[in-house]
């Protein structure tokens, strides 16, 4: 599979990655089999978080991929602390917490370094300098190779671009969510910061799930877009999913599309889909956008 550089770092990631949040904690054997088969089929980027399943997700990922550790890119996230009673979690953006939390992630992932460590959210009121100091310290200590954000808040993203050496921003990006194109793609490219695209299949609607309301679209509008999409790809022999991922990956700012799977069948479909992904010229991109409108972030300006 095509390998792409992750921002200004030296890390190479597969163009299609695996978003591990959807893996089932109550079916660890199946989840580990999915992870191993993904690697065997060319997927080298795996994204998890300490928040998922109270750390069990990291444990499953670490155990499954330990035999291939040097050949994969492990990404995790930090910033949300589970309450002692398990009733929920609290946003804890402090240097002390980040430095403490990484030790738990390293242990669960069965590794002595995390390739990409991401701030799992963020607000404009956070102690940004303190957070940056934490990531820079962990990088200097060799506990992480690079750091980034997982955020769709323009004000937060712009703050870290201007003040930190982030390698990437994970954000929602798809044919049905073109908000990054309007103000993020050019800015991120200018600063050599990569996008890790999530939600690129729009909750499965760009695969085979029924049309439903999505962001600023009504269910009827989504159904209309999907009909146009089917018409546009009719002659190519590609699936909706392949067209959707090709669209996202045709952006020079995107390093990888992290796609979530939870069953062996979904992995089979993803493996088949990634073989159909191809670069799109401007005419092809335009053809996929019939009925799709420009979108803008309306909050966190």
Protein backbone atom coordinates (compact mmCIF):
# COMPACT_ATOMS: atom_id res chain seq x y z
CA UNK A 1 0.00 0.00 0.00
CA UNK A 2 1.09 3.58 -0.62
CA UNK A 3 3.03 5.07 2.28
CA UNK A 4 2.80 8.79 3.05
CA UNK A 5 4.82 11.05 5.26
CA UNK A 6 3.18 12.28 8.45
CA UNK A 7 3.66 16.03 8.48
CA UNK A 8 7.10 17.28 9.37
CA UNK A 9 8.02 14.03 11.13
CA UNK A 10 10.00 11.13 9.68
CA UNK A 11 7.06 8.78 10.18
CA UNK A 12 5.57 6.96 7.18
CA UNK A 13 1.95 5.81 7.38
CA UNK A 14 -0.22 3.69 5.11
CA UNK A 15 -2.71 5.75 3.09
CA UNK A 16 -5.51 3.70 4.65
CA UNK A 17 -5.22 3.17 8.39
CA UNK A 18 -7.32 1.38 10.98
CA UNK A 19 -9.37 3.34 13.49
CA UNK A 20 -9.44 0.93 16.41
CA UNK A 21 -12.27 2.47 18.46
CA UNK A 22 -14.83 0.18 16.77
CA UNK A 23 -13.08 -3.03 17.82
CA UNK A 24 -15.11 -5.05 20.29
CA UNK A 25 -13.56 -5.32 23.74
CA UNK A 26 -15.83 -8.25 24.61
CA UNK A 27 -14.50 -10.20 21.62
CA UNK A 28 -10.73 -9.82 22.07
CA UNK A 29 -9.73 -12.80 19.92
CA UNK A 30 -11.75 -11.54 16.95
CA UNK A 31 -10.44 -8.01 17.44
CA UNK A 32 -6.82 -9.22 17.54
CA UNK A 33 -7.39 -11.31 14.41
CA UNK A 34 -8.73 -8.20 12.65
CA UNK A 35 -5.67 -6.19 13.64
CA UNK A 36 -3.23 -8.86 12.49
CA UNK A 37 -5.01 -9.41 9.19
CA UNK A 38 -5.08 -5.66 8.59
CA UNK A 39 -1.30 -5.58 8.98
CA UNK A 40 -0.87 -8.61 6.72
CA UNK A 41 -2.81 -6.73 4.05
CA UNK A 42 -0.67 -3.62 4.08
CA UNK A 43 -2.25 -1.45 6.77
CA UNK A 44 0.48 -0.06 9.02
CA UNK A 45 -1.26 2.86 10.81
CA UNK A 46 -3.37 2.00 13.87
CA UNK A 47 -5.15 4.65 15.93
CA UNK A 48 -6.43 4.09 19.46
CA UNK A 49 -6.86 6.10 22.69
CA UNK A 50 -6.59 5.55 26.42
CA UNK A 51 -10.26 6.58 26.65
CA UNK A 52 -11.59 3.70 24.53
CA UNK A 53 -13.07 0.92 26.66
CA UNK A 54 -11.21 2.30 29.67
CA UNK A 55 -7.86 1.28 28.19
CA UNK A 56 -8.89 -2.18 26.99
CA UNK A 57 -8.67 -1.01 23.39
CA UNK A 58 -5.01 -0.11 23.82
CA UNK A 59 -4.41 -3.49 25.46
CA UNK A 60 -5.94 -5.40 22.54
CA UNK A 61 -4.00 -3.32 20.01
CA UNK A 62 -0.74 -3.77 21.89
CA UNK A 63 -1.09 -7.53 22.29
CA UNK A 64 -2.12 -8.07 18.66
CA UNK A 65 0.61 -5.96 17.10
CA UNK A 66 3.52 -6.67 19.42
CA UNK A 67 5.09 -9.20 16.99
CA UNK A 68 5.12 -6.49 14.30
CA UNK A 69 5.88 -3.50 16.52
CA UNK A 70 8.78 -2.15 14.49
CA UNK A 71 6.74 -2.34 11.28
CA UNK A 72 3.63 -0.46 12.43
CA UNK A 73 2.77 3.08 13.47
CA UNK A 74 0.89 3.23 16.76
CA UNK A 75 -1.12 6.37 17.48
CA UNK A 76 -2.88 7.00 20.76
CA UNK A 77 -4.54 9.92 22.51
CA UNK A 78 -4.51 11.57 25.90
CA UNK A 79 -6.39 14.21 27.88
CA UNK A 80 -9.49 12.48 29.23
CA UNK A 81 -9.29 10.86 32.67
CA UNK A 82 -11.80 8.23 33.73
CA UNK A 83 -13.39 8.90 37.12
CA UNK A 84 -12.63 6.42 39.87
CA UNK A 85 -16.25 5.23 39.99
CA UNK A 86 -16.31 4.65 36.22
CA UNK A 87 -19.27 6.99 35.75
CA UNK A 88 -17.58 9.01 33.02
CA UNK A 89 -14.47 10.99 32.30
CA UNK A 90 -13.16 14.50 32.83
CA UNK A 91 -11.06 16.70 30.56
CA UNK A 92 -7.64 16.93 32.24
CA UNK A 93 -5.29 18.98 30.05
CA UNK A 94 -2.30 19.35 32.34
CA UNK A 95 1.40 18.65 31.94
CA UNK A 96 1.37 16.45 35.04
CA UNK A 97 -1.51 14.33 33.78
CA UNK A 98 -0.11 13.87 30.26
CA UNK A 99 3.28 12.77 31.58
CA UNK A 100 1.60 10.33 33.97
CA UNK A 101 -0.95 9.01 31.44
CA UNK A 102 1.63 8.11 28.80
CA UNK A 103 3.07 5.47 31.14
CA UNK A 104 -0.27 3.66 31.26
CA UNK A 105 -0.60 3.78 27.47
CA UNK A 106 2.95 2.48 26.98
CA UNK A 107 2.26 -0.42 29.31
CA UNK A 108 -1.06 -1.35 27.69
CA UNK A 109 0.40 -1.04 24.19
CA UNK A 110 3.37 -3.23 25.21
CA UNK A 111 5.91 -0.81 23.82
CA UNK A 112 8.52 1.65 25.01
CA UNK A 113 7.47 4.38 22.58
CA UNK A 114 4.32 5.67 20.88
CA UNK A 115 4.77 6.84 17.31
CA UNK A 116 2.08 9.54 17.43
CA UNK A 117 0.63 10.88 20.68
CA UNK A 118 -2.40 13.14 20.22
CA UNK A 119 -4.23 15.58 22.45
CA UNK A 120 -7.71 14.09 22.54
CA UNK A 121 -9.77 17.25 22.11
CA UNK A 122 -8.77 20.62 23.50
CA UNK A 123 -10.30 24.02 24.19
CA UNK A 124 -9.07 27.55 23.72
CA UNK A 125 -8.98 27.92 27.53
CA UNK A 126 -6.49 25.09 28.10
CA UNK A 127 -2.96 25.80 29.44
CA UNK A 128 -1.51 25.44 25.94
CA UNK A 129 2.12 26.15 26.78
CA UNK A 130 2.02 23.60 29.59
CA UNK A 131 0.52 20.99 27.27
CA UNK A 132 3.15 21.66 24.60
CA UNK A 133 5.90 21.37 27.23
CA UNK A 134 4.56 17.92 28.17
CA UNK A 135 4.60 16.63 24.60
CA UNK A 136 8.02 18.15 23.88
CA UNK A 137 9.43 16.53 27.02
CA UNK A 138 8.03 13.12 26.09
CA UNK A 139 9.48 13.50 22.61
CA UNK A 140 12.88 14.44 24.03
CA UNK A 141 12.76 11.39 26.32
CA UNK A 142 12.01 9.12 23.37
CA UNK A 143 8.63 8.03 24.74
CA UNK A 144 6.87 9.47 21.68
CA UNK A 145 8.16 10.11 18.17
CA UNK A 146 5.72 12.88 17.25
CA UNK A 147 2.62 14.58 18.60
CA UNK A 148 -0.56 16.08 17.24
CA UNK A 149 -4.20 16.90 17.88
CA UNK A 150 -7.53 15.18 17.47
CA UNK A 151 -9.85 18.15 17.03
CA UNK A 152 -12.35 19.88 14.76
CA UNK A 153 -12.16 23.23 16.58
CA UNK A 154 -10.61 25.87 14.30
CA UNK A 155 -9.47 28.09 17.15
CA UNK A 156 -7.68 25.20 18.89
CA UNK A 157 -6.07 23.92 15.70
CA UNK A 158 -4.81 27.37 14.73
CA UNK A 159 -3.38 27.92 18.20
CA UNK A 160 -1.30 24.73 18.09
CA UNK A 161 -0.20 25.33 14.51
CA UNK A 162 1.23 28.69 15.53
CA UNK A 163 2.79 27.59 18.82
CA UNK A 164 3.74 23.91 18.60
CA UNK A 165 5.57 21.47 16.35
CA UNK A 166 2.55 19.25 15.74
CA UNK A 167 2.83 16.63 13.01
CA UNK A 168 -0.88 16.09 12.41
CA UNK A 169 -4.48 16.90 13.14
CA UNK A 170 -7.07 14.15 13.18
CA UNK A 171 -10.36 15.54 11.94
CA UNK A 172 -13.60 14.51 10.33
CA UNK A 173 -13.38 14.74 6.53
CA UNK A 174 -15.53 13.16 3.83
CA UNK A 175 -17.60 13.88 0.74
CA UNK A 176 -20.40 14.80 3.15
CA UNK A 177 -18.18 16.87 5.42
CA UNK A 178 -15.99 19.21 3.41
CA UNK A 179 -15.40 21.70 6.22
CA UNK A 180 -11.61 21.08 6.27
CA UNK A 181 -11.37 22.19 2.64
CA UNK A 182 -12.67 25.66 3.35
CA UNK A 183 -10.08 26.80 5.88
CA UNK A 184 -7.89 23.94 7.13
CA UNK A 185 -6.32 22.20 4.14
CA UNK A 186 -4.37 25.20 2.87
CA UNK A 187 -3.31 26.30 6.35
CA UNK A 188 -2.15 22.83 7.39
CA UNK A 189 -0.30 22.27 4.11
CA UNK A 190 1.48 25.61 4.50
CA UNK A 191 2.82 24.51 7.89
CA UNK A 192 3.54 20.91 6.82
CA UNK A 193 0.95 19.46 9.19
CA UNK A 194 -0.89 16.38 7.96
CA UNK A 195 -4.56 15.56 8.24
CA UNK A 196 -5.53 12.18 9.61
CA UNK A 197 -9.03 11.82 8.20
CA UNK A 198 -11.72 10.12 10.24
CA UNK A 199 -15.37 9.60 9.40
CA UNK A 200 -14.50 9.37 5.71
CA UNK A 201 -17.33 6.90 5.09
CA UNK A 202 -19.89 9.11 6.86
CA UNK A 203 -21.17 6.55 9.37
CA UNK A 204 -21.36 3.92 6.64
CA UNK A 205 -23.68 5.91 4.38
CA UNK A 206 -20.89 6.12 1.81
CA UNK A 207 -20.75 2.32 1.88
CA UNK A 208 -24.18 0.72 2.15
CA UNK A 209 -26.12 2.11 5.10
CA UNK A 210 -29.43 3.91 4.44
CA UNK A 211 -29.30 7.67 3.96
CA UNK A 212 -29.95 9.69 7.08
CA UNK A 213 -29.58 13.28 8.22
CA UNK A 214 -25.90 14.25 8.41
CA UNK A 215 -24.50 17.54 9.66
CA UNK A 216 -26.29 20.25 7.64
CA UNK A 217 -27.94 17.78 5.24
CA UNK A 218 -31.42 16.31 5.57
CA UNK A 219 -31.87 12.60 4.91
CA UNK A 220 -33.45 13.50 1.57
CA UNK A 221 -30.44 15.57 0.56
CA UNK A 222 -28.09 12.75 1.52
CA UNK A 223 -30.15 10.28 -0.53
CA UNK A 224 -29.91 12.65 -3.51
CA UNK A 225 -26.12 12.94 -3.13
CA UNK A 226 -25.77 9.16 -2.93
CA UNK A 227 -27.79 8.70 -6.11
CA UNK A 228 -25.54 11.19 -7.88
CA UNK A 229 -22.48 9.43 -6.46
CA UNK A 230 -23.69 6.07 -7.78
CA UNK A 231 -24.23 7.62 -11.19
CA UNK A 232 -20.75 9.20 -11.20
CA UNK A 233 -18.99 5.93 -10.41
CA UNK A 234 -21.17 3.70 -12.56
CA UNK A 235 -18.65 3.44 -15.37
CA UNK A 236 -15.59 3.05 -13.17
CA UNK A 237 -16.50 -0.26 -11.57
CA UNK A 238 -15.55 1.18 -8.18
CA UNK A 239 -17.61 1.04 -5.04
CA UNK A 240 -18.96 4.04 -3.17
CA UNK A 241 -16.41 3.44 -0.43
CA UNK A 242 -13.51 3.39 -2.89
CA UNK A 243 -14.70 6.62 -4.47
CA UNK A 244 -15.18 8.24 -1.06
CA UNK A 245 -11.70 7.29 0.14
CA UNK A 246 -10.13 8.23 -3.19
CA UNK A 247 -11.71 11.68 -2.82
CA UNK A 248 -10.30 12.24 0.67
CA UNK A 249 -6.87 10.80 -0.13
CA UNK A 250 -6.59 12.96 -3.25
CA UNK A 251 -6.04 15.92 -0.94
CA UNK A 252 -2.30 16.54 -0.60
CA UNK A 253 -2.83 17.45 3.06
CA UNK A 254 -4.18 14.01 4.01
CA UNK A 255 -1.62 11.47 5.20
CA UNK A 256 -4.04 8.67 6.00
CA UNK A 257 -7.73 7.88 6.31
CA UNK A 258 -8.33 5.97 9.55
CA UNK A 259 -11.30 3.71 8.88
CA UNK A 260 -13.07 1.91 11.70
CA UNK A 261 -14.05 -1.75 11.43
CA UNK A 262 -15.59 -4.03 14.03
CA UNK A 263 -16.11 -7.34 12.19
CA UNK A 264 -14.05 -9.59 9.91
CA UNK A 265 -16.53 -8.90 7.09
CA UNK A 266 -15.99 -5.15 7.40
CA UNK A 267 -12.23 -5.72 7.25
CA UNK A 268 -12.65 -7.83 4.11
CA UNK A 269 -14.63 -4.99 2.56
CA UNK A 270 -11.96 -2.46 3.55
CA UNK A 271 -9.18 -4.62 2.08
CA UNK A 272 -11.13 -4.91 -1.16
CA UNK A 273 -11.87 -1.20 -1.13
CA UNK A 274 -8.25 -0.10 -0.64
CA UNK A 275 -7.25 -2.00 -3.76
CA UNK A 276 -9.59 0.24 -5.79
CA UNK A 277 -8.33 3.54 -4.41
CA UNK A 278 -6.72 5.73 -7.04
CA UNK A 279 -5.75 9.37 -7.43
CA UNK A 280 -8.51 11.57 -8.79
CA UNK A 281 -7.99 14.30 -11.35
CA UNK A 282 -9.90 17.55 -11.03
CA UNK A 283 -12.65 16.42 -13.39
CA UNK A 284 -13.20 13.20 -11.43
CA UNK A 285 -13.28 15.06 -8.12
CA UNK A 286 -15.84 17.46 -9.55
CA UNK A 287 -17.98 14.57 -10.74
CA UNK A 288 -18.22 13.15 -7.24
CA UNK A 289 -19.42 16.48 -5.84
CA UNK A 290 -22.76 16.66 -7.64
CA UNK A 291 -25.24 17.94 -5.05
CA UNK A 292 -22.53 18.34 -2.39
CA UNK A 293 -22.20 21.86 -1.04
CA UNK A 294 -19.38 23.74 0.63
CA UNK A 295 -19.42 23.58 4.40
CA UNK A 296 -17.94 25.75 7.12
CA UNK A 297 -17.18 25.36 10.80
CA UNK A 298 -19.77 27.40 12.65
CA UNK A 299 -18.44 27.08 16.21
CA UNK A 300 -15.14 27.59 18.08
CA UNK A 301 -14.09 30.45 15.85
